[in-house]
Amino acid sequence: MVQLFIGGVRSGKSDAAEDLLLELTKNNALKPAYIATSIAFGEETIERIKLHQQNRELRFGQPITTHELNYQTLDLLSVLKSLDKPDNIVLIECLSTWVGWYLSLENTLQENLAIMAEQQTALLAFLKDAKCHVIIVTGEVGCGLIGETPLQRRYADQLGKLNQKVAAISEQVYLLTAGLKQQLK
């Protein structure tokens, strides 16, 4: 099963996804795993990641198996493949950061788009046949301003298209706004 939680910044999407992960692992044999796609760069993101780690431990009452991607030796697809067993439930936090990372590589934009297209195709293929339960968090870019730069506009285009494809594959899709959850599918 694939479930998608989508919303704007600070919409409550991550909390809702974590609530579901807690609920589904509370009284059964499902083993939770958390895939964090953000990379620390600068003091603000380092602090933000530490806060997320502390909050997860407090929320789950114990350390949860967490895979922090670094993209050189640990990427999303390899982690997902290693966890693809029926007794695993995997939360991916979040596709927005994952797409942003590929657009920020030190290549030409066209090279980055080609790399990202390969990764997205592989992710979608995995999700269609996943044995594990997957919960995905992503940002909604369709309600915001149009980006000022070509890169910002390309980011919104890429994430928006990926969100549509993941939503089509997902059994359930939830939109979060101001902490309120609305089931779309």
N, C-alpha and C. Protein backbone atom coordinates (compact mmCIF):
# COMPACT_ATOMS: atom_id res chain seq x y z
N MET A 1 0.84 -1.19 0.00
CA MET A 1 0.00 0.00 0.00
C MET A 1 0.88 1.24 0.00
N VAL A 2 0.47 2.24 -0.76
CA VAL A 2 1.15 3.52 -0.80
C VAL A 2 0.15 4.59 -0.37
N GLN A 3 0.56 5.42 0.59
CA GLN A 3 -0.26 6.52 1.07
C GLN A 3 0.55 7.80 0.95
N LEU A 4 -0.08 8.86 0.41
CA LEU A 4 0.60 10.12 0.15
C LEU A 4 -0.01 11.22 1.00
N PHE A 5 0.86 11.98 1.67
CA PHE A 5 0.47 13.15 2.44
C PHE A 5 1.09 14.36 1.78
N ILE A 6 0.25 15.29 1.33
CA ILE A 6 0.73 16.44 0.59
C ILE A 6 0.19 17.72 1.22
N GLY A 7 1.02 18.74 1.26
CA GLY A 7 0.59 20.02 1.81
C GLY A 7 1.70 21.04 1.70
N GLY A 8 1.38 22.25 2.05
CA GLY A 8 2.36 23.33 2.01
C GLY A 8 3.29 23.28 3.21
N VAL A 9 4.15 24.27 3.30
CA VAL A 9 5.09 24.38 4.41
C VAL A 9 4.30 24.55 5.71
N ARG A 10 4.67 23.76 6.72
CA ARG A 10 4.05 23.80 8.05
C ARG A 10 2.54 23.53 8.01
N SER A 11 2.12 22.69 7.07
CA SER A 11 0.70 22.37 6.93
C SER A 11 0.24 21.28 7.89
N GLY A 12 1.20 20.52 8.44
CA GLY A 12 0.87 19.39 9.30
C GLY A 12 1.02 18.05 8.60
N LYS A 13 1.53 18.07 7.37
CA LYS A 13 1.64 16.82 6.60
C LYS A 13 2.57 15.81 7.26
N SER A 14 3.69 16.27 7.78
CA SER A 14 4.64 15.34 8.42
C SER A 14 4.05 14.75 9.69
N ASP A 15 3.40 15.58 10.50
CA ASP A 15 2.78 15.08 11.72
C ASP A 15 1.70 14.04 11.40
N ALA A 16 0.89 14.31 10.39
CA ALA A 16 -0.17 13.37 10.01
C ALA A 16 0.42 12.04 9.54
N ALA A 17 1.48 12.11 8.75
CA ALA A 17 2.13 10.88 8.27
C ALA A 17 2.74 10.10 9.44
N GLU A 18 3.38 10.81 10.36
CA GLU A 18 3.96 10.14 11.53
C GLU A 18 2.87 9.56 12.42
N ASP A 19 1.73 10.25 12.56
CA ASP A 19 0.60 9.70 13.32
C ASP A 19 0.15 8.37 12.73
N LEU A 20 0.05 8.32 11.41
CA LEU A 20 -0.35 7.08 10.74
C LEU A 20 0.68 5.98 10.98
N LEU A 21 1.96 6.33 10.87
CA LEU A 21 3.01 5.34 11.12
C LEU A 21 2.90 4.79 12.54
N LEU A 22 2.68 5.66 13.51
CA LEU A 22 2.50 5.22 14.90
C LEU A 22 1.29 4.31 15.04
N GLU A 23 0.19 4.71 14.45
CA GLU A 23 -1.04 3.93 14.54
C GLU A 23 -0.88 2.54 13.93
N LEU A 24 -0.24 2.47 12.79
CA LEU A 24 -0.11 1.19 12.09
C LEU A 24 0.93 0.25 12.71
N THR A 25 1.83 0.79 13.50
CA THR A 25 2.86 -0.06 14.12
C THR A 25 2.60 -0.32 15.60
N LYS A 26 1.56 0.29 16.14
CA LYS A 26 1.30 0.20 17.58
C LYS A 26 0.99 -1.22 18.05
N ASN A 27 0.06 -1.88 17.42
CA ASN A 27 -0.43 -3.17 17.93
C ASN A 27 -0.24 -4.34 16.97
N ASN A 28 0.72 -4.21 16.08
CA ASN A 28 0.92 -5.35 15.18
C ASN A 28 2.40 -5.55 14.89
N ALA A 29 2.67 -6.43 13.99
CA ALA A 29 4.06 -6.84 13.74
C ALA A 29 4.77 -5.99 12.69
N LEU A 30 4.14 -4.93 12.20
CA LEU A 30 4.82 -4.10 11.21
C LEU A 30 6.01 -3.38 11.84
N LYS A 31 7.12 -3.38 11.14
CA LYS A 31 8.33 -2.74 11.63
C LYS A 31 8.48 -1.38 10.95
N PRO A 32 8.54 -0.29 11.74
CA PRO A 32 8.63 1.04 11.14
C PRO A 32 10.06 1.39 10.72
N ALA A 33 10.16 2.12 9.62
CA ALA A 33 11.44 2.68 9.18
C ALA A 33 11.16 4.08 8.64
N TYR A 34 12.12 4.94 8.82
CA TYR A 34 11.98 6.35 8.45
C TYR A 34 13.12 6.70 7.51
N ILE A 35 12.79 7.24 6.35
CA ILE A 35 13.82 7.68 5.40
C ILE A 35 13.79 9.19 5.34
N ALA A 36 14.86 9.82 5.80
CA ALA A 36 14.98 11.28 5.79
C ALA A 36 15.79 11.69 4.57
N THR A 37 15.21 12.53 3.72
CA THR A 37 15.87 12.90 2.47
C THR A 37 16.67 14.19 2.56
N SER A 38 16.57 14.89 3.67
CA SER A 38 17.25 16.19 3.80
C SER A 38 18.71 16.02 4.16
N ILE A 39 19.53 16.89 3.61
CA ILE A 39 20.96 16.91 3.93
C ILE A 39 21.26 18.21 4.66
N ALA A 40 22.06 18.10 5.72
CA ALA A 40 22.42 19.29 6.49
C ALA A 40 23.41 20.15 5.71
N PHE A 41 23.05 21.41 5.55
CA PHE A 41 23.97 22.38 4.96
C PHE A 41 23.70 23.70 5.69
N GLY A 42 24.69 24.15 6.41
CA GLY A 42 24.52 25.38 7.18
C GLY A 42 23.88 25.12 8.53
N GLU A 43 24.04 26.09 9.41
CA GLU A 43 23.57 25.94 10.80
C GLU A 43 22.07 25.72 10.91
N GLU A 44 21.31 26.45 10.11
CA GLU A 44 19.85 26.34 10.21
C GLU A 44 19.36 24.93 9.91
N THR A 45 19.85 24.32 8.83
CA THR A 45 19.38 22.97 8.50
C THR A 45 19.94 21.94 9.47
N ILE A 46 21.14 22.15 9.97
CA ILE A 46 21.68 21.23 10.98
C ILE A 46 20.78 21.23 12.20
N GLU A 47 20.40 22.41 12.67
CA GLU A 47 19.52 22.52 13.84
C GLU A 47 18.13 21.93 13.54
N ARG A 48 17.64 22.19 12.36
CA ARG A 48 16.32 21.69 11.99
C ARG A 48 16.30 20.16 11.96
N ILE A 49 17.35 19.56 11.41
CA ILE A 49 17.44 18.10 11.36
C ILE A 49 17.55 17.53 12.77
N LYS A 50 18.35 18.15 13.64
CA LYS A 50 18.46 17.69 15.03
C LYS A 50 17.11 17.73 15.72
N LEU A 51 16.37 18.81 15.50
CA LEU A 51 15.05 18.95 16.11
C LEU A 51 14.10 17.85 15.61
N HIS A 52 14.13 17.56 14.32
CA HIS A 52 13.31 16.48 13.77
C HIS A 52 13.68 15.14 14.40
N GLN A 53 14.98 14.88 14.56
CA GLN A 53 15.44 13.62 15.16
C GLN A 53 14.94 13.50 16.60
N GLN A 54 15.08 14.58 17.37
CA GLN A 54 14.62 14.57 18.76
C GLN A 54 13.11 14.37 18.84
N ASN A 55 12.38 15.07 17.99
CA ASN A 55 10.92 14.95 18.00
C ASN A 55 10.47 13.54 17.63
N ARG A 56 11.16 12.91 16.68
CA ARG A 56 10.80 11.53 16.31
C ARG A 56 10.97 10.60 17.50
N GLU A 57 12.10 10.73 18.19
CA GLU A 57 12.35 9.85 19.33
C GLU A 57 11.31 10.07 20.42
N LEU A 58 10.96 11.32 20.69
CA LEU A 58 9.93 11.61 21.70
C LEU A 58 8.58 11.06 21.26
N ARG A 59 8.26 11.25 20.02
CA ARG A 59 6.97 10.84 19.49
C ARG A 59 6.78 9.33 19.49
N PHE A 60 7.83 8.63 19.09
CA PHE A 60 7.74 7.18 18.98
C PHE A 60 8.08 6.47 20.29
N GLY A 61 8.59 7.21 21.26
CA GLY A 61 8.90 6.63 22.55
C GLY A 61 10.13 5.74 22.56
N GLN A 62 10.77 5.64 21.44
CA GLN A 62 11.98 4.82 21.30
C GLN A 62 12.66 5.24 20.01
N PRO A 63 13.92 4.91 19.89
CA PRO A 63 14.56 5.21 18.60
C PRO A 63 13.89 4.40 17.49
N ILE A 64 13.69 5.02 16.37
CA ILE A 64 13.10 4.36 15.21
C ILE A 64 14.19 4.19 14.17
N THR A 65 14.17 3.08 13.46
CA THR A 65 15.17 2.86 12.42
C THR A 65 15.07 3.99 11.41
N THR A 66 16.13 4.77 11.33
CA THR A 66 16.13 5.94 10.44
C THR A 66 17.28 5.83 9.46
N HIS A 67 16.98 6.09 8.22
CA HIS A 67 17.98 6.10 7.16
C HIS A 67 18.09 7.54 6.67
N GLU A 68 19.21 8.18 6.96
CA GLU A 68 19.44 9.56 6.53
C GLU A 68 20.23 9.52 5.24
N LEU A 69 19.62 9.92 4.15
CA LEU A 69 20.27 9.85 2.85
C LEU A 69 21.43 10.82 2.76
N ASN A 70 22.51 10.36 2.12
CA ASN A 70 23.60 11.29 1.80
C ASN A 70 23.83 11.35 0.30
N TYR A 71 23.12 10.52 -0.44
CA TYR A 71 23.07 10.50 -1.90
C TYR A 71 24.34 9.98 -2.57
N GLN A 72 25.49 10.01 -1.91
CA GLN A 72 26.69 9.44 -2.51
C GLN A 72 26.75 7.94 -2.25
N THR A 73 26.54 7.55 -1.00
CA THR A 73 26.62 6.13 -0.66
C THR A 73 25.27 5.57 -0.22
N LEU A 74 24.31 6.44 0.03
CA LEU A 74 22.99 5.99 0.49
C LEU A 74 21.93 6.81 -0.22
N ASP A 75 21.21 6.17 -1.15
CA ASP A 75 20.19 6.89 -1.90
C ASP A 75 18.82 6.26 -1.65
N LEU A 76 17.78 6.96 -2.03
CA LEU A 76 16.42 6.54 -1.72
C LEU A 76 16.09 5.15 -2.24
N LEU A 77 16.41 4.88 -3.49
CA LEU A 77 16.03 3.59 -4.08
C LEU A 77 16.73 2.42 -3.43
N SER A 78 18.01 2.57 -3.10
CA SER A 78 18.71 1.45 -2.46
C SER A 78 18.15 1.18 -1.07
N VAL A 79 17.79 2.23 -0.34
CA VAL A 79 17.19 2.02 0.99
C VAL A 79 15.82 1.36 0.85
N LEU A 80 15.00 1.86 -0.06
CA LEU A 80 13.68 1.26 -0.26
C LEU A 80 13.78 -0.22 -0.62
N LYS A 81 14.68 -0.55 -1.52
CA LYS A 81 14.85 -1.95 -1.92
C LYS A 81 15.27 -2.82 -0.74
N SER A 82 16.11 -2.28 0.14
CA SER A 82 16.56 -3.06 1.30
C SER A 82 15.43 -3.27 2.32
N LEU A 83 14.41 -2.43 2.28
CA LEU A 83 13.30 -2.52 3.23
C LEU A 83 12.05 -3.16 2.63
N ASP A 84 12.12 -3.61 1.40
CA ASP A 84 10.93 -4.07 0.68
C ASP A 84 10.51 -5.48 1.11
N LYS A 85 9.92 -5.53 2.31
CA LYS A 85 9.39 -6.78 2.87
C LYS A 85 7.99 -6.49 3.41
N PRO A 86 7.08 -7.45 3.33
CA PRO A 86 5.70 -7.20 3.75
C PRO A 86 5.54 -6.75 5.20
N ASP A 87 6.49 -7.06 6.07
CA ASP A 87 6.34 -6.66 7.47
C ASP A 87 6.96 -5.29 7.78
N ASN A 88 7.40 -4.57 6.76
CA ASN A 88 7.97 -3.23 6.96
C ASN A 88 6.98 -2.15 6.53
N ILE A 89 6.99 -1.07 7.27
CA ILE A 89 6.24 0.13 6.89
C ILE A 89 7.24 1.28 6.87
N VAL A 90 7.34 1.94 5.74
CA VAL A 90 8.40 2.92 5.49
C VAL A 90 7.79 4.30 5.28
N LEU A 91 8.29 5.28 6.02
CA LEU A 91 7.87 6.66 5.83
C LEU A 91 8.99 7.42 5.12
N ILE A 92 8.69 8.02 3.98
CA ILE A 92 9.65 8.83 3.23
C ILE A 92 9.35 10.29 3.52
N GLU A 93 10.31 11.00 4.07
CA GLU A 93 10.16 12.41 4.45
C GLU A 93 11.26 13.21 3.78
N CYS A 94 11.16 13.90 2.76
CA CYS A 94 10.01 14.04 1.90
C CYS A 94 10.47 14.15 0.45
N LEU A 95 9.54 13.97 -0.47
CA LEU A 95 9.89 14.04 -1.89
C LEU A 95 10.35 15.43 -2.31
N SER A 96 9.87 16.46 -1.65
CA SER A 96 10.25 17.84 -2.00
C SER A 96 11.75 18.03 -1.90
N THR A 97 12.33 17.56 -0.82
CA THR A 97 13.77 17.70 -0.61
C THR A 97 14.53 16.81 -1.58
N TRP A 98 13.99 15.63 -1.84
CA TRP A 98 14.62 14.68 -2.76
C TRP A 98 14.74 15.29 -4.15
N VAL A 99 13.66 15.89 -4.66
CA VAL A 99 13.69 16.54 -5.98
C VAL A 99 14.67 17.71 -5.96
N GLY A 100 14.62 18.50 -4.90
CA GLY A 100 15.53 19.65 -4.79
C GLY A 100 16.99 19.26 -4.82
N TRP A 101 17.31 18.13 -4.19
CA TRP A 101 18.70 17.70 -4.17
C TRP A 101 19.19 17.42 -5.59
N TYR A 102 18.39 16.72 -6.37
CA TYR A 102 18.82 16.39 -7.73
C TYR A 102 18.95 17.63 -8.61
N LEU A 103 18.14 18.63 -8.38
CA LEU A 103 18.26 19.86 -9.17
C LEU A 103 19.47 20.69 -8.77
N SER A 104 20.01 20.44 -7.58
CA SER A 104 21.14 21.25 -7.10
C SER A 104 22.50 20.63 -7.38
N LEU A 105 22.54 19.51 -8.08
CA LEU A 105 23.83 18.90 -8.40
C LEU A 105 24.67 19.85 -9.25
N GLU A 106 25.97 19.69 -9.16
CA GLU A 106 26.88 20.59 -9.89
C GLU A 106 27.10 20.12 -11.32
N ASN A 107 26.02 19.99 -12.06
CA ASN A 107 26.03 19.65 -13.48
C ASN A 107 25.24 20.73 -14.19
N THR A 108 25.07 20.56 -15.48
CA THR A 108 24.15 21.45 -16.18
C THR A 108 22.73 21.09 -15.77
N LEU A 109 21.82 22.00 -15.95
CA LEU A 109 20.43 21.73 -15.62
C LEU A 109 19.91 20.54 -16.40
N GLN A 110 20.27 20.44 -17.67
CA GLN A 110 19.81 19.32 -18.50
C GLN A 110 20.34 17.99 -17.97
N GLU A 111 21.59 17.96 -17.52
CA GLU A 111 22.15 16.73 -16.94
C GLU A 111 21.41 16.37 -15.66
N ASN A 112 21.15 17.37 -14.82
CA ASN A 112 20.42 17.12 -13.57
C ASN A 112 19.02 16.60 -13.85
N LEU A 113 18.36 17.17 -14.85
CA LEU A 113 17.02 16.71 -15.20
C LEU A 113 17.03 15.27 -15.69
N ALA A 114 18.05 14.90 -16.43
CA ALA A 114 18.17 13.52 -16.92
C ALA A 114 18.39 12.55 -15.75
N ILE A 115 19.26 12.92 -14.82
CA ILE A 115 19.51 12.09 -13.63
C ILE A 115 18.22 11.95 -12.83
N MET A 116 17.53 13.08 -12.63
CA MET A 116 16.29 13.06 -11.85
C MET A 116 15.23 12.22 -12.54
N ALA A 117 15.14 12.30 -13.85
CA ALA A 117 14.15 11.50 -14.58
C ALA A 117 14.38 10.01 -14.37
N GLU A 118 15.65 9.59 -14.40
CA GLU A 118 15.98 8.19 -14.13
C GLU A 118 15.54 7.78 -12.73
N GLN A 119 15.86 8.62 -11.74
CA GLN A 119 15.51 8.32 -10.35
C GLN A 119 14.00 8.28 -10.16
N GLN A 120 13.30 9.22 -10.76
CA GLN A 120 11.84 9.25 -10.63
C GLN A 120 11.20 8.03 -11.27
N THR A 121 11.68 7.64 -12.43
CA THR A 121 11.15 6.45 -13.11
C THR A 121 11.37 5.22 -12.23
N ALA A 122 12.55 5.11 -11.64
CA ALA A 122 12.85 3.97 -10.76
C ALA A 122 11.97 4.00 -9.51
N LEU A 123 11.76 5.18 -8.93
CA LEU A 123 10.91 5.30 -7.75
C LEU A 123 9.48 4.88 -8.07
N LEU A 124 8.94 5.38 -9.16
CA LEU A 124 7.57 5.04 -9.53
C LEU A 124 7.41 3.55 -9.80
N ALA A 125 8.39 2.94 -10.45
CA ALA A 125 8.35 1.49 -10.70
C ALA A 125 8.38 0.74 -9.37
N PHE A 126 9.22 1.18 -8.44
CA PHE A 126 9.28 0.54 -7.13
C PHE A 126 7.93 0.62 -6.44
N LEU A 127 7.35 1.82 -6.40
CA LEU A 127 6.09 2.02 -5.69
C LEU A 127 4.96 1.16 -6.25
N LYS A 128 4.94 0.96 -7.55
CA LYS A 128 3.89 0.14 -8.18
C LYS A 128 3.94 -1.30 -7.71
N ASP A 129 5.13 -1.80 -7.39
CA ASP A 129 5.30 -3.21 -7.03
C ASP A 129 5.79 -3.43 -5.60
N ALA A 130 5.77 -2.40 -4.77
CA ALA A 130 6.33 -2.50 -3.42
C ALA A 130 5.62 -3.56 -2.59
N LYS A 131 6.42 -4.34 -1.88
CA LYS A 131 5.89 -5.32 -0.94
C LYS A 131 5.66 -4.67 0.42
N CYS A 132 6.48 -3.67 0.74
CA CYS A 132 6.34 -2.97 2.02
C CYS A 132 5.24 -1.91 1.90
N HIS A 133 4.75 -1.48 3.03
CA HIS A 133 3.78 -0.39 3.11
C HIS A 133 4.59 0.91 3.06
N VAL A 134 4.21 1.85 2.20
CA VAL A 134 4.98 3.09 2.04
C VAL A 134 4.08 4.29 2.32
N ILE A 135 4.56 5.17 3.20
CA ILE A 135 3.91 6.45 3.48
C ILE A 135 4.85 7.53 2.96
N ILE A 136 4.32 8.42 2.15
CA ILE A 136 5.16 9.44 1.52
C ILE A 136 4.66 10.83 1.91
N VAL A 137 5.60 11.70 2.25
CA VAL A 137 5.31 13.11 2.52
C VAL A 137 5.89 13.92 1.37
N THR A 138 5.12 14.91 0.91
CA THR A 138 5.63 15.79 -0.14
C THR A 138 4.99 17.16 -0.02
N GLY A 139 5.64 18.13 -0.61
CA GLY A 139 5.14 19.50 -0.60
C GLY A 139 4.25 19.77 -1.79
N GLU A 140 3.20 20.53 -1.55
CA GLU A 140 2.32 20.97 -2.64
C GLU A 140 2.85 22.28 -3.19
N VAL A 141 3.17 22.28 -4.47
CA VAL A 141 3.74 23.49 -5.08
C VAL A 141 2.72 24.22 -5.95
N GLY A 142 1.55 23.66 -6.14
CA GLY A 142 0.56 24.25 -7.03
C GLY A 142 -0.20 25.42 -6.45
N CYS A 143 -0.05 25.69 -5.17
CA CYS A 143 -0.80 26.78 -4.54
C CYS A 143 0.07 27.99 -4.24
N GLY A 144 1.34 27.89 -4.56
CA GLY A 144 2.26 28.98 -4.21
C GLY A 144 2.48 29.94 -5.35
N LEU A 145 3.39 30.84 -5.11
CA LEU A 145 3.77 31.81 -6.12
C LEU A 145 4.57 31.15 -7.23
N ILE A 146 4.58 31.75 -8.38
CA ILE A 146 5.43 31.27 -9.47
C ILE A 146 6.84 31.71 -9.15
N GLY A 147 7.79 30.78 -9.25
CA GLY A 147 9.18 31.07 -8.90
C GLY A 147 9.76 32.22 -9.72
N GLU A 148 10.67 32.95 -9.09
CA GLU A 148 11.31 34.09 -9.76
C GLU A 148 12.37 33.66 -10.76
N THR A 149 13.04 32.55 -10.48
CA THR A 149 14.15 32.13 -11.33
C THR A 149 13.75 30.91 -12.15
N PRO A 150 14.47 30.67 -13.25
CA PRO A 150 14.18 29.46 -14.02
C PRO A 150 14.32 28.18 -13.19
N LEU A 151 15.30 28.14 -12.28
CA LEU A 151 15.49 26.95 -11.44
C LEU A 151 14.29 26.75 -10.51
N GLN A 152 13.79 27.82 -9.92
CA GLN A 152 12.62 27.71 -9.04
C GLN A 152 11.40 27.22 -9.81
N ARG A 153 11.22 27.72 -11.02
CA ARG A 153 10.09 27.28 -11.83
C ARG A 153 10.25 25.82 -12.25
N ARG A 154 11.46 25.43 -12.57
CA ARG A 154 11.73 24.03 -12.96
C ARG A 154 11.46 23.11 -11.77
N TYR A 155 11.88 23.53 -10.56
CA TYR A 155 11.62 22.75 -9.35
C TYR A 155 10.12 22.52 -9.18
N ALA A 156 9.34 23.58 -9.27
CA ALA A 156 7.89 23.46 -9.11
C ALA A 156 7.30 22.54 -10.18
N ASP A 157 7.78 22.66 -11.41
CA ASP A 157 7.31 21.79 -12.49
C ASP A 157 7.62 20.33 -12.19
N GLN A 158 8.87 20.06 -11.82
CA GLN A 158 9.31 18.68 -11.58
C GLN A 158 8.57 18.06 -10.39
N LEU A 159 8.49 18.80 -9.28
CA LEU A 159 7.82 18.26 -8.10
C LEU A 159 6.33 18.10 -8.36
N GLY A 160 5.72 19.07 -9.00
CA GLY A 160 4.29 18.98 -9.30
C GLY A 160 3.96 17.76 -10.15
N LYS A 161 4.77 17.51 -11.18
CA LYS A 161 4.54 16.35 -12.05
C LYS A 161 4.76 15.04 -11.29
N LEU A 162 5.82 15.00 -10.46
CA LEU A 162 6.08 13.80 -9.67
C LEU A 162 4.94 13.55 -8.68
N ASN A 163 4.47 14.60 -8.02
CA ASN A 163 3.36 14.46 -7.08
C ASN A 163 2.13 13.86 -7.77
N GLN A 164 1.85 14.30 -8.99
CA GLN A 164 0.70 13.76 -9.72
C GLN A 164 0.87 12.27 -9.99
N LYS A 165 2.08 11.88 -10.38
CA LYS A 165 2.33 10.46 -10.68
C LYS A 165 2.27 9.60 -9.43
N VAL A 166 2.82 10.11 -8.32
CA VAL A 166 2.77 9.35 -7.06
C VAL A 166 1.33 9.26 -6.57
N ALA A 167 0.57 10.34 -6.70
CA ALA A 167 -0.84 10.32 -6.29
C ALA A 167 -1.63 9.29 -7.10
N ALA A 168 -1.33 9.18 -8.38
CA ALA A 168 -2.03 8.20 -9.23
C ALA A 168 -1.76 6.77 -8.78
N ILE A 169 -0.56 6.51 -8.30
CA ILE A 169 -0.17 5.17 -7.84
C ILE A 169 -0.71 4.88 -6.44
N SER A 170 -0.85 5.91 -5.63
CA SER A 170 -1.22 5.76 -4.21
C SER A 170 -2.65 5.27 -4.04
N GLU A 171 -2.84 4.41 -3.04
CA GLU A 171 -4.20 3.97 -2.70
C GLU A 171 -4.95 5.06 -1.95
N GLN A 172 -4.22 5.84 -1.15
CA GLN A 172 -4.84 6.94 -0.40
C GLN A 172 -3.97 8.19 -0.54
N VAL A 173 -4.66 9.34 -0.68
CA VAL A 173 -3.97 10.63 -0.78
C VAL A 173 -4.67 11.59 0.17
N TYR A 174 -3.87 12.27 1.00
CA TYR A 174 -4.39 13.23 1.96
C TYR A 174 -3.77 14.60 1.70
N LEU A 175 -4.61 15.63 1.72
CA LEU A 175 -4.15 17.01 1.61
C LEU A 175 -4.23 17.63 3.00
N LEU A 176 -3.14 18.24 3.44
CA LEU A 176 -3.10 18.89 4.74
C LEU A 176 -3.05 20.40 4.56
N THR A 177 -3.94 21.09 5.28
CA THR A 177 -3.96 22.54 5.29
C THR A 177 -4.23 22.98 6.72
N ALA A 178 -3.36 23.79 7.28
CA ALA A 178 -3.52 24.31 8.64
C ALA A 178 -3.77 23.19 9.65
N GLY A 179 -3.11 22.06 9.45
CA GLY A 179 -3.24 20.94 10.37
C GLY A 179 -4.48 20.10 10.16
N LEU A 180 -5.30 20.46 9.19
CA LEU A 180 -6.53 19.70 8.92
C LEU A 180 -6.28 18.76 7.75
N LYS A 181 -6.72 17.52 7.93
CA LYS A 181 -6.47 16.48 6.93
C LYS A 181 -7.74 16.22 6.13
N GLN A 182 -7.59 16.28 4.80
CA GLN A 182 -8.71 16.00 3.91
C GLN A 182 -8.30 14.85 2.99
N GLN A 183 -9.09 13.78 2.98
CA GLN A 183 -8.78 12.65 2.10
C GLN A 183 -9.27 12.97 0.69
N LEU A 184 -8.32 12.93 -0.26
CA LEU A 184 -8.63 13.20 -1.66
C LEU A 184 -8.91 11.92 -2.44
N LYS A 185 -8.30 10.85 -1.99
CA LYS A 185 -8.44 9.56 -2.69
C LYS A 185 -8.41 8.45 -1.66
